[in-house]
PDB file of N, CA and C in Angstrom:
ATOM      1  N   MET A   1      26.197   2.498 122.780  1.00  0.00           N
ATOM      2  CA  MET A   1      26.247   3.932 122.853  1.00  0.00           C
ATOM      3  C   MET A   1      25.276   4.474 123.892  1.00  0.00           C
ATOM      4  N   HIS A   2      24.141   3.802 124.097  1.00  0.00           N
ATOM      5  CA  HIS A   2      23.151   4.362 125.001  1.00  0.00           C
ATOM      6  C   HIS A   2      23.631   4.359 126.450  1.00  0.00           C
ATOM      7  N   LEU A   3      24.615   3.540 126.787  1.00  0.00           N
ATOM      8  CA  LEU A   3      25.137   3.576 128.155  1.00  0.00           C
ATOM      9  C   LEU A   3      26.095   4.738 128.373  1.00  0.00           C
ATOM     10  N   LEU A   4      26.449   5.473 127.333  1.00  0.00           N
ATOM     11  CA  LEU A   4      27.269   6.667 127.486  1.00  0.00           C
ATOM     12  C   LEU A   4      26.424   7.885 127.815  1.00  0.00           C
ATOM     13  N   SER A   5      25.124   7.740 127.743  1.00  0.00           N
ATOM     14  CA  SER A   5      24.217   8.851 127.990  1.00  0.00           C
ATOM     15  C   SER A   5      24.240   9.259 129.461  1.00  0.00           C
ATOM     16  N   PRO A   6      24.184  10.566 129.736  1.00  0.00           N
ATOM     17  CA  PRO A   6      24.119  11.002 131.137  1.00  0.00           C
ATOM     18  C   PRO A   6      22.761  10.716 131.782  1.00  0.00           C
ATOM     19  N   LEU A   7      21.837  10.134 131.036  1.00  0.00           N
ATOM     20  CA  LEU A   7      20.544   9.756 131.594  1.00  0.00           C
ATOM     21  C   LEU A   7      20.621   8.426 132.339  1.00  0.00           C
ATOM     22  N   GLN A   8      21.721   7.710 132.199  1.00  0.00           N
ATOM     23  CA  GLN A   8      21.926   6.449 132.900  1.00  0.00           C
ATOM     24  C   GLN A   8      22.546   6.738 134.265  1.00  0.00           C
ATOM     25  N   GLY A   9      21.988   6.179 135.302  1.00  0.00           N
ATOM     26  CA  GLY A   9      22.494   6.407 136.645  1.00  0.00           C
ATOM     27  C   GLY A   9      23.883   5.844 136.876  1.00  0.00           C
ATOM     28  N   SER A  10      24.207   4.757 136.184  1.00  0.00           N
ATOM     29  CA  SER A  10      25.503   4.119 136.399  1.00  0.00           C
ATOM     30  C   SER A  10      26.660   5.010 135.957  1.00  0.00           C
ATOM     31  N   ILE A  11      26.416   5.923 135.024  1.00  0.00           N
ATOM     32  CA  ILE A  11      27.487   6.811 134.571  1.00  0.00           C
ATOM     33  C   ILE A  11      27.930   7.744 135.698  1.00  0.00           C
ATOM     34  N   TYR A  12      26.990   8.161 136.538  1.00  0.00           N
ATOM     35  CA  TYR A  12      27.322   9.032 137.663  1.00  0.00           C
ATOM     36  C   TYR A  12      28.098   8.270 138.734  1.00  0.00           C
ATOM     37  N   VAL A  13      27.734   7.016 138.966  1.00  0.00           N
ATOM     38  CA  VAL A  13      28.462   6.198 139.934  1.00  0.00           C
ATOM     39  C   VAL A  13      29.885   5.972 139.445  1.00  0.00           C
ATOM     40  N   LEU A  14      30.043   5.636 138.167  1.00  0.00           N
ATOM     41  CA  LEU A  14      31.360   5.413 137.588  1.00  0.00           C
ATOM     42  C   LEU A  14      32.221   6.667 137.689  1.00  0.00           C
ATOM     43  N   ALA A  15      31.675   7.799 137.303  1.00  0.00           N
ATOM     44  CA  ALA A  15      32.441   9.050 137.352  1.00  0.00           C
ATOM     45  C   ALA A  15      32.806   9.414 138.786  1.00  0.00           C
ATOM     46  N   GLY A  16      31.894   9.176 139.718  1.00  0.00           N
ATOM     47  CA  GLY A  16      32.173   9.474 141.112  1.00  0.00           C
ATOM     48  C   GLY A  16      33.257   8.587 141.697  1.00  0.00           C
ATOM     49  N   LEU A  17      33.230   7.300 141.371  1.00  0.00           N
ATOM     50  CA  LEU A  17      34.236   6.376 141.890  1.00  0.00           C
ATOM     51  C   LEU A  17      35.622   6.649 141.311  1.00  0.00           C
ATOM     52  N   LEU A  18      35.648   7.045 140.041  1.00  0.00           N
ATOM     53  CA  LEU A  18      36.936   7.297 139.399  1.00  0.00           C
ATOM     54  C   LEU A  18      37.433   8.724 139.598  1.00  0.00           C
ATOM     55  N   GLY A  19      36.545   9.603 140.051  1.00  0.00           N
ATOM     56  CA  GLY A  19      36.932  10.994 140.261  1.00  0.00           C
ATOM     57  C   GLY A  19      37.158  11.756 138.974  1.00  0.00           C
ATOM     58  N   ILE A  20      36.400  11.439 137.937  1.00  0.00           N
ATOM     59  CA  ILE A  20      36.540  12.125 136.650  1.00  0.00           C
ATOM     60  C   ILE A  20      35.279  12.898 136.333  1.00  0.00           C
ATOM     61  N   ASP A  21      35.399  13.819 135.389  1.00  0.00           N
ATOM     62  CA  ASP A  21      34.250  14.597 134.950  1.00  0.00           C
ATOM     63  C   ASP A  21      33.472  13.798 133.896  1.00  0.00           C
ATOM     64  N   ILE A  22      32.164  13.879 133.942  1.00  0.00           N
ATOM     65  CA  ILE A  22      31.335  13.110 133.011  1.00  0.00           C
ATOM     66  C   ILE A  22      31.579  13.541 131.572  1.00  0.00           C
ATOM     67  N   ASP A  23      31.787  14.832 131.344  1.00  0.00           N
ATOM     68  CA  ASP A  23      32.044  15.309 129.980  1.00  0.00           C
ATOM     69  C   ASP A  23      33.322  14.708 129.408  1.00  0.00           C
ATOM     70  N   ASP A  24      34.361  14.660 130.226  1.00  0.00           N
ATOM     71  CA  ASP A  24      35.623  14.071 129.763  1.00  0.00           C
ATOM     72  C   ASP A  24      35.460  12.590 129.455  1.00  0.00           C
ATOM     73  N   HIS A  25      34.722  11.896 130.290  1.00  0.00           N
ATOM     74  CA  HIS A  25      34.489  10.463 130.081  1.00  0.00           C
ATOM     75  C   HIS A  25      33.744  10.209 128.773  1.00  0.00           C
ATOM     76  N   ILE A  26      32.696  10.974 128.530  1.00  0.00           N
ATOM     77  CA  ILE A  26      31.895  10.775 127.315  1.00  0.00           C
ATOM     78  C   ILE A  26      32.718  11.101 126.076  1.00  0.00           C
ATOM     79  N   ARG A  27      33.507  12.177 126.118  1.00  0.00           N
ATOM     80  CA  ARG A  27      34.344  12.528 124.966  1.00  0.00           C
ATOM     81  C   ARG A  27      35.365  11.436 124.655  1.00  0.00           C
ATOM     82  N   LEU A  28      35.967  10.882 125.675  1.00  0.00           N
ATOM     83  CA  LEU A  28      36.977   9.847 125.467  1.00  0.00           C
ATOM     84  C   LEU A  28      36.359   8.550 124.955  1.00  0.00           C
ATOM     85  N   VAL A  29      35.302   8.096 125.577  1.00  0.00           N
ATOM     86  CA  VAL A  29      34.737   6.791 125.267  1.00  0.00           C
ATOM     87  C   VAL A  29      33.911   6.810 123.976  1.00  0.00           C
ATOM     88  N   ALA A  30      33.313   7.935 123.631  1.00  0.00           N
ATOM     89  CA  ALA A  30      32.468   8.006 122.433  1.00  0.00           C
ATOM     90  C   ALA A  30      33.261   7.721 121.169  1.00  0.00           C
ATOM     91  N   LYS A  31      34.508   8.181 121.105  1.00  0.00           N
ATOM     92  CA  LYS A  31      35.332   7.916 119.921  1.00  0.00           C
ATOM     93  C   LYS A  31      35.521   6.419 119.718  1.00  0.00           C
ATOM     94  N   TYR A  32      35.840   5.721 120.789  1.00  0.00           N
ATOM     95  CA  TYR A  32      36.064   4.281 120.687  1.00  0.00           C
ATOM     96  C   TYR A  32      34.768   3.527 120.408  1.00  0.00           C
ATOM     97  N   ALA A  33      33.680   3.968 120.999  1.00  0.00           N
ATOM     98  CA  ALA A  33      32.392   3.309 120.780  1.00  0.00           C
ATOM     99  C   ALA A  33      31.932   3.476 119.333  1.00  0.00           C
ATOM    100  N   LEU A  34      32.084   4.676 118.793  1.00  0.00           N
ATOM    101  CA  LEU A  34      31.693   4.900 117.397  1.00  0.00           C
ATOM    102  C   LEU A  34      32.596   4.130 116.434  1.00  0.00           C
ATOM    103  N   GLY A  35      33.889   4.091 116.726  1.00  0.00           N
ATOM    104  CA  GLY A  35      34.814   3.343 115.881  1.00  0.00           C
ATOM    105  C   GLY A  35      34.527   1.852 115.893  1.00  0.00           C
ATOM    106  N   THR A  36      34.239   1.311 117.061  1.00  0.00           N
ATOM    107  CA  THR A  36      33.908  -0.107 117.179  1.00  0.00           C
ATOM    108  C   THR A  36      32.619  -0.429 116.439  1.00  0.00           C
ATOM    109  N   THR A  37      31.643   0.450 116.560  1.00  0.00           N
ATOM    110  CA  THR A  37      30.375   0.249 115.860  1.00  0.00           C
ATOM    111  C   THR A  37      30.575   0.258 114.354  1.00  0.00           C
ATOM    112  N   LEU A  38      31.393   1.177 113.865  1.00  0.00           N
ATOM    113  CA  LEU A  38      31.663   1.255 112.429  1.00  0.00           C
ATOM    114  C   LEU A  38      32.355  -0.003 111.931  1.00  0.00           C
ATOM    115  N   VAL A  39      33.333  -0.497 112.665  1.00  0.00           N
ATOM    116  CA  VAL A  39      34.042  -1.720 112.271  1.00  0.00           C
ATOM    117  C   VAL A  39      33.080  -2.908 112.249  1.00  0.00           C
ATOM    118  N   MET A  40      32.229  -3.026 113.258  1.00  0.00           N
ATOM    119  CA  MET A  40      31.278  -4.147 113.291  1.00  0.00           C
ATOM    120  C   MET A  40      30.298  -4.086 112.128  1.00  0.00           C
ATOM    121  N   LYS A  41      29.857  -2.897 111.737  1.00  0.00           N
ATOM    122  CA  LYS A  41      28.940  -2.777 110.602  1.00  0.00           C
ATOM    123  C   LYS A  41      29.624  -3.136 109.292  1.00  0.00           C
ATOM    124  N   ILE A  42      30.876  -2.708 109.127  1.00  0.00           N
ATOM    125  CA  ILE A  42      31.605  -3.047 107.903  1.00  0.00           C
ATOM    126  C   ILE A  42      31.815  -4.557 107.802  1.00  0.00           C
ATOM    127  N   VAL A  43      32.190  -5.189 108.888  1.00  0.00           N
ATOM    128  CA  VAL A  43      32.383  -6.646 108.894  1.00  0.00           C
ATOM    129  C   VAL A  43      31.064  -7.352 108.600  1.00  0.00           C
ATOM    130  N   ALA A  44      29.959  -6.881 109.176  1.00  0.00           N
ATOM    131  CA  ALA A  44      28.656  -7.498 108.934  1.00  0.00           C
ATOM    132  C   ALA A  44      28.260  -7.372 107.468  1.00  0.00           C
ATOM    133  N   ILE A  45      28.565  -6.251 106.838  1.00  0.00           N
ATOM    134  CA  ILE A  45      28.260  -6.073 105.413  1.00  0.00           C
ATOM    135  C   ILE A  45      29.130  -6.999 104.566  1.00  0.00           C
ATOM    136  N   LEU A  46      30.410  -7.131 104.926  1.00  0.00           N
ATOM    137  CA  LEU A  46      31.307  -8.005 104.161  1.00  0.00           C
ATOM    138  C   LEU A  46      30.898  -9.468 104.252  1.00  0.00           C
ATOM    139  N   PHE A  47      30.400  -9.896 105.399  1.00  0.00           N
ATOM    140  CA  PHE A  47      29.968 -11.281 105.568  1.00  0.00           C
ATOM    141  C   PHE A  47      28.545 -11.520 105.093  1.00  0.00           C
ATOM    142  N   GLY A  48      27.857 -10.488 104.652  1.00  0.00           N
ATOM    143  CA  GLY A  48      26.504 -10.640 104.126  1.00  0.00           C
ATOM    144  C   GLY A  48      25.429 -10.678 105.192  1.00  0.00           C
ATOM    145  N   ILE A  49      25.751 -10.338 106.414  1.00  0.00           N
ATOM    146  CA  ILE A  49      24.757 -10.332 107.485  1.00  0.00           C
ATOM    147  C   ILE A  49      23.829  -9.136 107.322  1.00  0.00           C
ATOM    148  N   LEU A  50      24.399  -8.000 106.925  1.00  0.00           N
ATOM    149  CA  LEU A  50      23.618  -6.807 106.626  1.00  0.00           C
ATOM    150  C   LEU A  50      23.712  -6.530 105.128  1.00  0.00           C
ATOM    151  N   SER A  51      22.642  -6.077 104.566  1.00  0.00           N
ATOM    152  CA  SER A  51      22.673  -5.706 103.154  1.00  0.00           C
ATOM    153  C   SER A  51      22.618  -4.186 103.031  1.00  0.00           C
ATOM    154  N   ILE A  52      23.179  -3.701 101.967  1.00  0.00           N
ATOM    155  CA  ILE A  52      23.228  -2.244 101.748  1.00  0.00           C
ATOM    156  C   ILE A  52      21.947  -1.766 101.112  1.00  0.00           C
TER     157      ILE A  52
END
């Protein structure tokens, strides 16, 4: 998630090369990043890697 921050210089290079707005990029990618994080946490809890 921290690479989605506008404080990272690479986000500006990516947006410039693709010709997209940074706000649109963050809105689109944040949903998938949060969903992936949630799935990984649930799997880790089911396998006993993380405890509740």
